[in-house]
C-alpha cells in the first residue's frame, strides 16, 4: 500500500484495530490510550473525540500537540522495516505507534514501552 493511501485512512478505522490487537493479547484499551498519549501529547478525551471524527491518520499526527522527543529511542522492526531507518517523517511517526502497540501486545512493561 502506498503511503498516501495510509495517510488518508480515517483514524476512526485505525484506532479500533490498534485496540483490538492489544486486547487480543491480554492488554487493555486504556494502555493503548496511554501509549498514544505518550507519543502524541493528546489527552484521552481528545483521542476519543478524534476516534469519533472523520480525521485522517495524516491529520491525526500533524495536529498532535506534542510529539514525545523520546520517540527517537524506539528501535526495532515493524512489517520487516526498522523504524529508525524510515526516511519519510510521517510514515516514521505512524510506525512508531505501530511498534509501541506491538510491544504492548508482546507483554512488555509500560515502563519499558514508554522509555522511562
PDB file of N, CA and C in Angstrom:
ATOM      1  N   UNK A   1       0.857  -1.182   0.000  1.00  0.00           N
ATOM      2  CA  UNK A   1       0.000   0.000   0.000  1.00  0.00           C
ATOM      3  C   UNK A   1       0.892   1.231   0.000  1.00  0.00           C
ATOM      4  N   UNK A   2       0.633   2.122  -0.903  1.00  0.00           N
ATOM      5  CA  UNK A   2       1.465   3.316  -0.958  1.00  0.00           C
ATOM      6  C   UNK A   2       1.134   4.235   0.215  1.00  0.00           C
ATOM      7  N   UNK A   3       2.107   5.077   0.578  1.00  0.00           N
ATOM      8  CA  UNK A   3       1.978   5.918   1.763  1.00  0.00           C
ATOM      9  C   UNK A   3       0.748   6.805   1.746  1.00  0.00           C
ATOM     10  N   UNK A   4       0.423   7.405   0.592  1.00  0.00           N
ATOM     11  CA  UNK A   4      -0.707   8.330   0.552  1.00  0.00           C
ATOM     12  C   UNK A   4      -2.016   7.639   0.931  1.00  0.00           C
ATOM     13  N   UNK A   5      -2.156   6.369   0.613  1.00  0.00           N
ATOM     14  CA  UNK A   5      -3.371   5.638   0.997  1.00  0.00           C
ATOM     15  C   UNK A   5      -3.439   5.465   2.510  1.00  0.00           C
ATOM     16  N   UNK A   6      -2.300   5.170   3.113  1.00  0.00           N
ATOM     17  CA  UNK A   6      -2.251   5.027   4.567  1.00  0.00           C
ATOM     18  C   UNK A   6      -2.584   6.361   5.221  1.00  0.00           C
ATOM     19  N   UNK A   7      -2.009   7.429   4.698  1.00  0.00           N
ATOM     20  CA  UNK A   7      -2.216   8.750   5.287  1.00  0.00           C
ATOM     21  C   UNK A   7      -3.671   9.181   5.224  1.00  0.00           C
ATOM     22  N   UNK A   8      -4.385   8.766   4.210  1.00  0.00           N
ATOM     23  CA  UNK A   8      -5.772   9.187   4.035  1.00  0.00           C
ATOM     24  C   UNK A   8      -6.776   8.274   4.741  1.00  0.00           C
ATOM     25  N   UNK A   9      -6.296   7.195   5.349  1.00  0.00           N
ATOM     26  CA  UNK A   9      -7.195   6.332   6.115  1.00  0.00           C
ATOM     27  C   UNK A   9      -7.725   7.125   7.309  1.00  0.00           C
ATOM     28  N   UNK A  10      -8.922   6.825   7.705  1.00  0.00           N
ATOM     29  CA  UNK A  10      -9.540   7.516   8.836  1.00  0.00           C
ATOM     30  C   UNK A  10      -8.992   6.962  10.152  1.00  0.00           C
ATOM     31  N   UNK A  11      -8.667   7.870  11.065  1.00  0.00           N
ATOM     32  CA  UNK A  11      -8.225   7.441  12.389  1.00  0.00           C
ATOM     33  C   UNK A  11      -9.309   6.601  13.051  1.00  0.00           C
ATOM     34  N   UNK A  12     -10.557   6.902  12.763  1.00  0.00           N
ATOM     35  CA  UNK A  12     -11.676   6.147  13.334  1.00  0.00           C
ATOM     36  C   UNK A  12     -11.663   4.678  12.916  1.00  0.00           C
ATOM     37  N   UNK A  13     -11.008   4.359  11.813  1.00  0.00           N
ATOM     38  CA  UNK A  13     -10.880   2.968  11.358  1.00  0.00           C
ATOM     39  C   UNK A  13      -9.641   2.298  11.959  1.00  0.00           C
ATOM     40  N   UNK A  14      -8.592   3.066  12.165  1.00  0.00           N
ATOM     41  CA  UNK A  14      -7.332   2.514  12.657  1.00  0.00           C
ATOM     42  C   UNK A  14      -7.344   2.323  14.173  1.00  0.00           C
ATOM     43  N   UNK A  15      -7.924   3.259  14.886  1.00  0.00           N
ATOM     44  CA  UNK A  15      -7.934   3.215  16.350  1.00  0.00           C
ATOM     45  C   UNK A  15      -8.493   1.895  16.895  1.00  0.00           C
ATOM     46  N   UNK A  16      -9.654   1.431  16.415  1.00  0.00           N
ATOM     47  CA  UNK A  16     -10.150   0.143  16.929  1.00  0.00           C
ATOM     48  C   UNK A  16      -9.219  -1.029  16.602  1.00  0.00           C
ATOM     49  N   UNK A  17      -8.511  -0.962  15.487  1.00  0.00           N
ATOM     50  CA  UNK A  17      -7.572  -2.025  15.138  1.00  0.00           C
ATOM     51  C   UNK A  17      -6.409  -2.065  16.127  1.00  0.00           C
ATOM     52  N   UNK A  18      -5.928  -0.889  16.510  1.00  0.00           N
ATOM     53  CA  UNK A  18      -4.852  -0.822  17.497  1.00  0.00           C
ATOM     54  C   UNK A  18      -5.311  -1.403  18.834  1.00  0.00           C
ATOM     55  N   UNK A  19      -6.511  -1.044  19.232  1.00  0.00           N
ATOM     56  CA  UNK A  19      -7.060  -1.544  20.496  1.00  0.00           C
ATOM     57  C   UNK A  19      -7.259  -3.056  20.433  1.00  0.00           C
ATOM     58  N   UNK A  20      -7.866  -3.536  19.357  1.00  0.00           N
ATOM     59  CA  UNK A  20      -8.134  -4.970  19.231  1.00  0.00           C
ATOM     60  C   UNK A  20      -6.849  -5.792  19.268  1.00  0.00           C
ATOM     61  N   UNK A  21      -5.808  -5.292  18.638  1.00  0.00           N
ATOM     62  CA  UNK A  21      -4.532  -6.014  18.633  1.00  0.00           C
ATOM     63  C   UNK A  21      -4.029  -6.218  20.055  1.00  0.00           C
ATOM     64  N   UNK A  22      -4.099  -5.167  20.854  1.00  0.00           N
ATOM     65  CA  UNK A  22      -3.618  -5.249  22.233  1.00  0.00           C
ATOM     66  C   UNK A  22      -4.545  -6.087  23.113  1.00  0.00           C
ATOM     67  N   UNK A  23      -5.839  -5.891  22.970  1.00  0.00           N
ATOM     68  CA  UNK A  23      -6.815  -6.603  23.802  1.00  0.00           C
ATOM     69  C   UNK A  23      -6.754  -8.110  23.549  1.00  0.00           C
ATOM     70  N   UNK A  24      -6.555  -8.508  22.298  1.00  0.00           N
ATOM     71  CA  UNK A  24      -6.438  -9.937  21.972  1.00  0.00           C
ATOM     72  C   UNK A  24      -5.277 -10.591  22.707  1.00  0.00           C
ATOM     73  N   UNK A  25      -4.291  -9.795  23.060  1.00  0.00           N
ATOM     74  CA  UNK A  25      -3.109 -10.320  23.750  1.00  0.00           C
ATOM     75  C   UNK A  25      -3.150 -10.053  25.255  1.00  0.00           C
ATOM     76  N   UNK A  26      -4.326  -9.706  25.764  1.00  0.00           N
ATOM     77  CA  UNK A  26      -4.489  -9.557  27.202  1.00  0.00           C
ATOM     78  C   UNK A  26      -4.213  -8.170  27.752  1.00  0.00           C
ATOM     79  N   UNK A  27      -4.018  -7.188  26.892  1.00  0.00           N
ATOM     80  CA  UNK A  27      -3.803  -5.826  27.364  1.00  0.00           C
ATOM     81  C   UNK A  27      -5.136  -5.086  27.350  1.00  0.00           C
ATOM     82  N   UNK A  28      -5.136  -3.828  27.767  1.00  0.00           N
ATOM     83  CA  UNK A  28      -6.377  -3.074  27.906  1.00  0.00           C
ATOM     84  C   UNK A  28      -6.385  -1.821  27.039  1.00  0.00           C
ATOM     85  N   UNK A  29      -7.586  -1.377  26.720  1.00  0.00           N
ATOM     86  CA  UNK A  29      -7.778  -0.178  25.905  1.00  0.00           C
ATOM     87  C   UNK A  29      -7.064   1.023  26.528  1.00  0.00           C
ATOM     88  N   UNK A  30      -7.170   1.162  27.848  1.00  0.00           N
ATOM     89  CA  UNK A  30      -6.541   2.322  28.491  1.00  0.00           C
ATOM     90  C   UNK A  30      -5.022   2.301  28.335  1.00  0.00           C
ATOM     91  N   UNK A  31      -4.428   1.117  28.153  1.00  0.00           N
ATOM     92  CA  UNK A  31      -2.985   1.042  27.921  1.00  0.00           C
ATOM     93  C   UNK A  31      -2.641   1.535  26.512  1.00  0.00           C
ATOM     94  N   UNK A  32      -3.490   1.203  25.548  1.00  0.00           N
ATOM     95  CA  UNK A  32      -3.286   1.719  24.187  1.00  0.00           C
ATOM     96  C   UNK A  32      -3.408   3.237  24.211  1.00  0.00           C
ATOM     97  N   UNK A  33      -4.417   3.745  24.901  1.00  0.00           N
ATOM     98  CA  UNK A  33      -4.588   5.193  25.018  1.00  0.00           C
ATOM     99  C   UNK A  33      -3.372   5.843  25.675  1.00  0.00           C
ATOM    100  N   UNK A  34      -2.830   5.184  26.689  1.00  0.00           N
ATOM    101  CA  UNK A  34      -1.653   5.724  27.377  1.00  0.00           C
ATOM    102  C   UNK A  34      -0.465   5.823  26.416  1.00  0.00           C
ATOM    103  N   UNK A  35      -0.284   4.805  25.596  1.00  0.00           N
ATOM    104  CA  UNK A  35       0.799   4.809  24.613  1.00  0.00           C
ATOM    105  C   UNK A  35       0.594   5.938  23.599  1.00  0.00           C
ATOM    106  N   UNK A  36      -0.636   6.106  23.130  1.00  0.00           N
ATOM    107  CA  UNK A  36      -0.937   7.177  22.166  1.00  0.00           C
ATOM    108  C   UNK A  36      -0.703   8.543  22.810  1.00  0.00           C
ATOM    109  N   UNK A  37      -1.136   8.707  24.055  1.00  0.00           N
ATOM    110  CA  UNK A  37      -0.921   9.974  24.762  1.00  0.00           C
ATOM    111  C   UNK A  37       0.564  10.266  24.908  1.00  0.00           C
ATOM    112  N   UNK A  38       1.331   9.240  25.278  1.00  0.00           N
ATOM    113  CA  UNK A  38       2.782   9.419  25.446  1.00  0.00           C
ATOM    114  C   UNK A  38       3.420   9.855  24.133  1.00  0.00           C
ATOM    115  N   UNK A  39       3.043   9.217  23.042  1.00  0.00           N
ATOM    116  CA  UNK A  39       3.652   9.508  21.754  1.00  0.00           C
ATOM    117  C   UNK A  39       3.256  10.874  21.208  1.00  0.00           C
ATOM    118  N   UNK A  40       1.972  11.226  21.317  1.00  0.00           N
ATOM    119  CA  UNK A  40       1.438  12.394  20.613  1.00  0.00           C
ATOM    120  C   UNK A  40       1.157  13.619  21.471  1.00  0.00           C
ATOM    121  N   UNK A  41       0.952  13.420  22.754  1.00  0.00           N
ATOM    122  CA  UNK A  41       0.584  14.535  23.618  1.00  0.00           C
ATOM    123  C   UNK A  41      -0.908  14.814  23.671  1.00  0.00           C
ATOM    124  N   UNK A  42      -1.707  14.011  22.958  1.00  0.00           N
ATOM    125  CA  UNK A  42      -3.162  14.179  23.032  1.00  0.00           C
ATOM    126  C   UNK A  42      -3.674  13.764  24.401  1.00  0.00           C
ATOM    127  N   UNK A  43      -4.759  14.388  24.839  1.00  0.00           N
ATOM    128  CA  UNK A  43      -5.439  13.944  26.051  1.00  0.00           C
ATOM    129  C   UNK A  43      -6.299  12.732  25.699  1.00  0.00           C
ATOM    130  N   UNK A  44      -6.675  11.990  26.707  1.00  0.00           N
ATOM    131  CA  UNK A  44      -7.537  10.821  26.481  1.00  0.00           C
ATOM    132  C   UNK A  44      -8.850  11.231  25.821  1.00  0.00           C
ATOM    133  N   UNK A  45      -9.428  12.334  26.289  1.00  0.00           N
ATOM    134  CA  UNK A  45     -10.687  12.817  25.736  1.00  0.00           C
ATOM    135  C   UNK A  45     -10.538  13.200  24.264  1.00  0.00           C
ATOM    136  N   UNK A  46      -9.415  13.816  23.934  1.00  0.00           N
ATOM    137  CA  UNK A  46      -9.173  14.233  22.551  1.00  0.00           C
ATOM    138  C   UNK A  46      -8.989  13.016  21.636  1.00  0.00           C
ATOM    139  N   UNK A  47      -8.342  11.982  22.135  1.00  0.00           N
ATOM    140  CA  UNK A  47      -8.194  10.749  21.354  1.00  0.00           C
ATOM    141  C   UNK A  47      -9.566  10.183  21.042  1.00  0.00           C
ATOM    142  N   UNK A  48     -10.425  10.111  22.040  1.00  0.00           N
ATOM    143  CA  UNK A  48     -11.772   9.567  21.837  1.00  0.00           C
ATOM    144  C   UNK A  48     -12.562  10.440  20.863  1.00  0.00           C
ATOM    145  N   UNK A  49     -12.417  11.759  21.001  1.00  0.00           N
ATOM    146  CA  UNK A  49     -13.105  12.688  20.094  1.00  0.00           C
ATOM    147  C   UNK A  49     -12.649  12.453  18.648  1.00  0.00           C
ATOM    148  N   UNK A  50     -11.366  12.303  18.470  1.00  0.00           N
ATOM    149  CA  UNK A  50     -10.833  12.083  17.119  1.00  0.00           C
ATOM    150  C   UNK A  50     -11.241  10.714  16.576  1.00  0.00           C
ATOM    151  N   UNK A  51     -11.393   9.746  17.466  1.00  0.00           N
ATOM    152  CA  UNK A  51     -11.823   8.409  17.044  1.00  0.00           C
ATOM    153  C   UNK A  51     -13.276   8.415  16.567  1.00  0.00           C
ATOM    154  N   UNK A  52     -14.012   9.445  16.946  1.00  0.00           N
ATOM    155  CA  UNK A  52     -15.410   9.589  16.517  1.00  0.00           C
ATOM    156  C   UNK A  52     -15.557  10.618  15.400  1.00  0.00           C
ATOM    157  N   UNK A  53     -14.441  11.060  14.842  1.00  0.00           N
ATOM    158  CA  UNK A  53     -14.488  12.094  13.812  1.00  0.00           C
ATOM    159  C   UNK A  53     -14.042  11.512  12.464  1.00  0.00           C
ATOM    160  N   UNK A  54     -13.971  12.383  11.477  1.00  0.00           N
ATOM    161  CA  UNK A  54     -13.546  11.976  10.137  1.00  0.00           C
ATOM    162  C   UNK A  54     -12.078  12.314   9.874  1.00  0.00           C
ATOM    163  N   UNK A  55     -11.327  12.590  10.915  1.00  0.00           N
ATOM    164  CA  UNK A  55      -9.924  12.978  10.753  1.00  0.00           C
ATOM    165  C   UNK A  55      -9.119  11.835  10.128  1.00  0.00           C
ATOM    166  N   UNK A  56      -8.204  12.192   9.245  1.00  0.00           N
ATOM    167  CA  UNK A  56      -7.338  11.187   8.627  1.00  0.00           C
ATOM    168  C   UNK A  56      -6.171  10.879   9.552  1.00  0.00           C
ATOM    169  N   UNK A  57      -5.507   9.779   9.255  1.00  0.00           N
ATOM    170  CA  UNK A  57      -4.330   9.400  10.034  1.00  0.00           C
ATOM    171  C   UNK A  57      -3.248  10.471   9.901  1.00  0.00           C
ATOM    172  N   UNK A  58      -3.101  11.023   8.712  1.00  0.00           N
ATOM    173  CA  UNK A  58      -2.139  12.096   8.486  1.00  0.00           C
ATOM    174  C   UNK A  58      -2.468  13.304   9.367  1.00  0.00           C
ATOM    175  N   UNK A  59      -3.717  13.721   9.377  1.00  0.00           N
ATOM    176  CA  UNK A  59      -4.133  14.873  10.187  1.00  0.00           C
ATOM    177  C   UNK A  59      -3.946  14.590  11.673  1.00  0.00           C
ATOM    178  N   UNK A  60      -4.219  13.355  12.065  1.00  0.00           N
ATOM    179  CA  UNK A  60      -4.056  12.965  13.467  1.00  0.00           C
ATOM    180  C   UNK A  60      -2.621  13.241  13.918  1.00  0.00           C
ATOM    181  N   UNK A  61      -1.646  12.849  13.125  1.00  0.00           N
ATOM    182  CA  UNK A  61      -0.250  13.074  13.503  1.00  0.00           C
ATOM    183  C   UNK A  61       0.169  14.524  13.303  1.00  0.00           C
ATOM    184  N   UNK A  62      -0.294  15.165  12.248  1.00  0.00           N
ATOM    185  CA  UNK A  62       0.072  16.567  12.006  1.00  0.00           C
ATOM    186  C   UNK A  62      -0.445  17.488  13.101  1.00  0.00           C
ATOM    187  N   UNK A  63      -1.595  17.168  13.667  1.00  0.00           N
ATOM    188  CA  UNK A  63      -2.211  18.015  14.683  1.00  0.00           C
ATOM    189  C   UNK A  63      -1.814  17.621  16.107  1.00  0.00           C
ATOM    190  N   UNK A  64      -0.952  16.646  16.241  1.00  0.00           N
ATOM    191  CA  UNK A  64      -0.540  16.190  17.570  1.00  0.00           C
ATOM    192  C   UNK A  64       0.038  17.360  18.358  1.00  0.00           C
ATOM    193  N   UNK A  65      -0.430  17.543  19.587  1.00  0.00           N
ATOM    194  CA  UNK A  65       0.014  18.688  20.378  1.00  0.00           C
ATOM    195  C   UNK A  65       1.501  18.694  20.702  1.00  0.00           C
ATOM    196  N   UNK A  66       2.071  17.517  20.958  1.00  0.00           N
ATOM    197  CA  UNK A  66       3.462  17.486  21.397  1.00  0.00           C
ATOM    198  C   UNK A  66       4.034  16.083  21.201  1.00  0.00           C
ATOM    199  N   UNK A  67       4.658  15.867  20.059  1.00  0.00           N
ATOM    200  CA  UNK A  67       5.276  14.563  19.829  1.00  0.00           C
ATOM    201  C   UNK A  67       6.420  14.383  20.825  1.00  0.00           C
ATOM    202  N   UNK A  68       6.429  13.242  21.480  1.00  0.00           N
ATOM    203  CA  UNK A  68       7.403  12.976  22.532  1.00  0.00           C
ATOM    204  C   UNK A  68       8.816  12.881  21.943  1.00  0.00           C
ATOM    205  N   UNK A  69       9.744  13.680  22.454  1.00  0.00           N
ATOM    206  CA  UNK A  69      11.110  13.620  21.916  1.00  0.00           C
ATOM    207  C   UNK A  69      11.765  12.254  22.129  1.00  0.00           C
ATOM    208  N   UNK A  70      11.332  11.512  23.145  1.00  0.00           N
ATOM    209  CA  UNK A  70      11.908  10.192  23.416  1.00  0.00           C
ATOM    210  C   UNK A  70      11.443   9.129  22.419  1.00  0.00           C
ATOM    211  N   UNK A  71      10.559   9.497  21.501  1.00  0.00           N
ATOM    212  CA  UNK A  71      10.131   8.528  20.484  1.00  0.00           C
ATOM    213  C   UNK A  71      11.309   8.094  19.626  1.00  0.00           C
ATOM    214  N   UNK A  72      12.330   8.916  19.570  1.00  0.00           N
ATOM    215  CA  UNK A  72      13.530   8.577  18.781  1.00  0.00           C
ATOM    216  C   UNK A  72      14.276   7.383  19.390  1.00  0.00           C
ATOM    217  N   UNK A  73      13.939   7.035  20.626  1.00  0.00           N
ATOM    218  CA  UNK A  73      14.555   5.875  21.275  1.00  0.00           C
ATOM    219  C   UNK A  73      13.892   4.566  20.840  1.00  0.00           C
ATOM    220  N   UNK A  74      12.791   4.657  20.122  1.00  0.00           N
ATOM    221  CA  UNK A  74      12.072   3.459  19.663  1.00  0.00           C
ATOM    222  C   UNK A  74      12.895   2.817  18.554  1.00  0.00           C
ATOM    223  N   UNK A  75      13.197   1.564  18.740  1.00  0.00           N
ATOM    224  CA  UNK A  75      14.002   0.799  17.782  1.00  0.00           C
ATOM    225  C   UNK A  75      13.294  -0.515  17.487  1.00  0.00           C
ATOM    226  N   UNK A  76      13.632  -1.101  16.357  1.00  0.00           N
ATOM    227  CA  UNK A  76      13.090  -2.403  16.024  1.00  0.00           C
ATOM    228  C   UNK A  76      12.308  -2.376  14.725  1.00  0.00           C
ATOM    229  N   UNK A  77      11.785  -3.530  14.364  1.00  0.00           N
ATOM    230  CA  UNK A  77      11.117  -3.685  13.079  1.00  0.00           C
ATOM    231  C   UNK A  77       9.607  -3.766  13.208  1.00  0.00           C
ATOM    232  N   UNK A  78       8.958  -3.188  12.213  1.00  0.00           N
ATOM    233  CA  UNK A  78       7.512  -3.312  12.026  1.00  0.00           C
ATOM    234  C   UNK A  78       7.328  -3.684  10.562  1.00  0.00           C
ATOM    235  N   UNK A  79       6.667  -4.785  10.335  1.00  0.00           N
ATOM    236  CA  UNK A  79       6.464  -5.267   8.955  1.00  0.00           C
ATOM    237  C   UNK A  79       7.801  -5.421   8.227  1.00  0.00           C
ATOM    238  N   UNK A  80       8.821  -5.851   8.954  1.00  0.00           N
ATOM    239  CA  UNK A  80      10.124  -6.094   8.351  1.00  0.00           C
ATOM    240  C   UNK A  80      10.960  -4.862   8.067  1.00  0.00           C
ATOM    241  N   UNK A  81      10.499  -3.698   8.521  1.00  0.00           N
ATOM    242  CA  UNK A  81      11.230  -2.450   8.286  1.00  0.00           C
ATOM    243  C   UNK A  81      11.642  -1.862   9.634  1.00  0.00           C
ATOM    244  N   UNK A  82      12.907  -1.537   9.765  1.00  0.00           N
ATOM    245  CA  UNK A  82      13.390  -0.927  11.007  1.00  0.00           C
ATOM    246  C   UNK A  82      12.858   0.503  11.102  1.00  0.00           C
ATOM    247  N   UNK A  83      12.166   0.797  12.191  1.00  0.00           N
ATOM    248  CA  UNK A  83      11.536   2.113  12.327  1.00  0.00           C
ATOM    249  C   UNK A  83      12.550   3.246  12.346  1.00  0.00           C
ATOM    250  N   UNK A  84      13.720   2.975  12.868  1.00  0.00           N
ATOM    251  CA  UNK A  84      14.731   4.030  12.951  1.00  0.00           C
ATOM    252  C   UNK A  84      15.328   4.382  11.589  1.00  0.00           C
ATOM    253  N   UNK A  85      15.103   3.567  10.572  1.00  0.00           N
ATOM    254  CA  UNK A  85      15.663   3.843   9.248  1.00  0.00           C
ATOM    255  C   UNK A  85      14.651   4.414   8.266  1.00  0.00           C
ATOM    256  N   UNK A  86      13.403   4.578   8.696  1.00  0.00           N
ATOM    257  CA  UNK A  86      12.372   5.116   7.802  1.00  0.00           C
ATOM    258  C   UNK A  86      12.668   6.590   7.559  1.00  0.00           C
ATOM    259  N   UNK A  87      12.779   6.963   6.302  1.00  0.00           N
ATOM    260  CA  UNK A  87      13.180   8.336   5.966  1.00  0.00           C
ATOM    261  C   UNK A  87      12.011   9.309   5.896  1.00  0.00           C
ATOM    262  N   UNK A  88      10.836   8.845   5.531  1.00  0.00           N
ATOM    263  CA  UNK A  88       9.669   9.720   5.400  1.00  0.00           C
ATOM    264  C   UNK A  88       9.128  10.008   6.802  1.00  0.00           C
ATOM    265  N   UNK A  89       9.165  11.257   7.269  1.00  0.00           N
ATOM    266  CA  UNK A  89       8.817  11.584   8.658  1.00  0.00           C
ATOM    267  C   UNK A  89       7.432  11.112   9.107  1.00  0.00           C
ATOM    268  N   UNK A  90       6.417  11.328   8.312  1.00  0.00           N
ATOM    269  CA  UNK A  90       5.070  10.928   8.730  1.00  0.00           C
ATOM    270  C   UNK A  90       4.962   9.413   8.842  1.00  0.00           C
ATOM    271  N   UNK A  91       5.522   8.685   7.899  1.00  0.00           N
ATOM    272  CA  UNK A  91       5.477   7.223   7.972  1.00  0.00           C
ATOM    273  C   UNK A  91       6.245   6.732   9.191  1.00  0.00           C
ATOM    274  N   UNK A  92       7.321   7.412   9.530  1.00  0.00           N
ATOM    275  CA  UNK A  92       8.070   7.016  10.717  1.00  0.00           C
ATOM    276  C   UNK A  92       7.217   7.196  11.973  1.00  0.00           C
ATOM    277  N   UNK A  93       6.477   8.298  12.056  1.00  0.00           N
ATOM    278  CA  UNK A  93       5.598   8.516  13.216  1.00  0.00           C
ATOM    279  C   UNK A  93       4.540   7.414  13.303  1.00  0.00           C
ATOM    280  N   UNK A  94       3.962   7.067  12.171  1.00  0.00           N
ATOM    281  CA  UNK A  94       2.952   6.012  12.134  1.00  0.00           C
ATOM    282  C   UNK A  94       3.553   4.691  12.599  1.00  0.00           C
ATOM    283  N   UNK A  95       4.743   4.392  12.132  1.00  0.00           N
ATOM    284  CA  UNK A  95       5.397   3.131  12.512  1.00  0.00           C
ATOM    285  C   UNK A  95       5.849   3.137  13.963  1.00  0.00           C
ATOM    286  N   UNK A  96       6.178   4.309  14.495  1.00  0.00           N
ATOM    287  CA  UNK A  96       6.467   4.379  15.930  1.00  0.00           C
ATOM    288  C   UNK A  96       5.251   3.901  16.722  1.00  0.00           C
ATOM    289  N   UNK A  97       4.081   4.388  16.358  1.00  0.00           N
ATOM    290  CA  UNK A  97       2.873   3.964  17.071  1.00  0.00           C
ATOM    291  C   UNK A  97       2.645   2.470  16.884  1.00  0.00           C
ATOM    292  N   UNK A  98       2.817   1.972  15.676  1.00  0.00           N
ATOM    293  CA  UNK A  98       2.681   0.531  15.439  1.00  0.00           C
ATOM    294  C   UNK A  98       3.630  -0.255  16.340  1.00  0.00           C
ATOM    295  N   UNK A  99       4.859   0.188  16.432  1.00  0.00           N
ATOM    296  CA  UNK A  99       5.864  -0.507  17.237  1.00  0.00           C
ATOM    297  C   UNK A  99       5.494  -0.487  18.713  1.00  0.00           C
ATOM    298  N   UNK A 100       4.998   0.642  19.202  1.00  0.00           N
ATOM    299  CA  UNK A 100       4.586   0.723  20.604  1.00  0.00           C
ATOM    300  C   UNK A 100       3.445  -0.247  20.901  1.00  0.00           C
ATOM    301  N   UNK A 101       2.479  -0.322  20.011  1.00  0.00           N
ATOM    302  CA  UNK A 101       1.357  -1.252  20.212  1.00  0.00           C
ATOM    303  C   UNK A 101       1.851  -2.699  20.096  1.00  0.00           C
ATOM    304  N   UNK A 102       2.799  -2.954  19.208  1.00  0.00           N
ATOM    305  CA  UNK A 102       3.409  -4.293  19.125  1.00  0.00           C
ATOM    306  C   UNK A 102       4.057  -4.667  20.455  1.00  0.00           C
ATOM    307  N   UNK A 103       4.816  -3.751  21.015  1.00  0.00           N
ATOM    308  CA  UNK A 103       5.485  -4.016  22.289  1.00  0.00           C
ATOM    309  C   UNK A 103       4.467  -4.272  23.394  1.00  0.00           C
ATOM    310  N   UNK A 104       3.414  -3.495  23.394  1.00  0.00           N
ATOM    311  CA  UNK A 104       2.334  -3.683  24.369  1.00  0.00           C
ATOM    312  C   UNK A 104       1.746  -5.079  24.209  1.00  0.00           C
ATOM    313  N   UNK A 105       1.468  -5.464  22.977  1.00  0.00           N
ATOM    314  CA  UNK A 105       0.866  -6.765  22.680  1.00  0.00           C
ATOM    315  C   UNK A 105       1.781  -7.928  23.042  1.00  0.00           C
ATOM    316  N   UNK A 106       3.072  -7.678  23.009  1.00  0.00           N
ATOM    317  CA  UNK A 106       4.034  -8.734  23.329  1.00  0.00           C
ATOM    318  C   UNK A 106       4.311  -8.843  24.823  1.00  0.00           C
ATOM    319  N   UNK A 107       3.619  -8.024  25.620  1.00  0.00           N
ATOM    320  CA  UNK A 107       3.715  -8.144  27.064  1.00  0.00           C
ATOM    321  C   UNK A 107       4.791  -7.320  27.735  1.00  0.00           C
ATOM    322  N   UNK A 108       5.429  -6.414  27.018  1.00  0.00           N
ATOM    323  CA  UNK A 108       6.430  -5.565  27.664  1.00  0.00           C
ATOM    324  C   UNK A 108       5.763  -4.705  28.732  1.00  0.00           C
ATOM    325  N   UNK A 109       6.544  -4.335  29.717  1.00  0.00           N
ATOM    326  CA  UNK A 109       6.020  -3.469  30.759  1.00  0.00           C
ATOM    327  C   UNK A 109       5.840  -2.057  30.207  1.00  0.00           C
ATOM    328  N   UNK A 110       4.907  -1.331  30.777  1.00  0.00           N
ATOM    329  CA  UNK A 110       4.650   0.031  30.331  1.00  0.00           C
ATOM    330  C   UNK A 110       5.883   0.905  30.533  1.00  0.00           C
ATOM    331  N   UNK A 111       6.632   0.640  31.591  1.00  0.00           N
ATOM    332  CA  UNK A 111       7.855   1.410  31.841  1.00  0.00           C
ATOM    333  C   UNK A 111       8.838   1.274  30.676  1.00  0.00           C
ATOM    334  N   UNK A 112       8.998   0.075  30.141  1.00  0.00           N
ATOM    335  CA  UNK A 112       9.908  -0.131  29.015  1.00  0.00           C
ATOM    336  C   UNK A 112       9.335   0.461  27.737  1.00  0.00           C
ATOM    337  N   UNK A 113       8.035   0.291  27.533  1.00  0.00           N
ATOM    338  CA  UNK A 113       7.393   0.806  26.318  1.00  0.00           C
ATOM    339  C   UNK A 113       7.534   2.325  26.249  1.00  0.00           C
ATOM    340  N   UNK A 114       7.364   2.981  27.385  1.00  0.00           N
ATOM    341  CA  UNK A 114       7.405   4.442  27.424  1.00  0.00           C
ATOM    342  C   UNK A 114       8.814   4.986  27.649  1.00  0.00           C
ATOM    343  N   UNK A 115       9.787   4.128  27.494  1.00  0.00           N
ATOM    344  CA  UNK A 115      11.203   4.514  27.535  1.00  0.00           C
ATOM    345  C   UNK A 115      11.556   5.331  28.771  1.00  0.00           C
ATOM    346  N   UNK A 116      11.161   4.812  29.941  1.00  0.00           N
ATOM    347  CA  UNK A 116      11.463   5.511  31.196  1.00  0.00           C
ATOM    348  C   UNK A 116      12.774   5.025  31.777  1.00  0.00           C
TER     349      UNK A 116
END
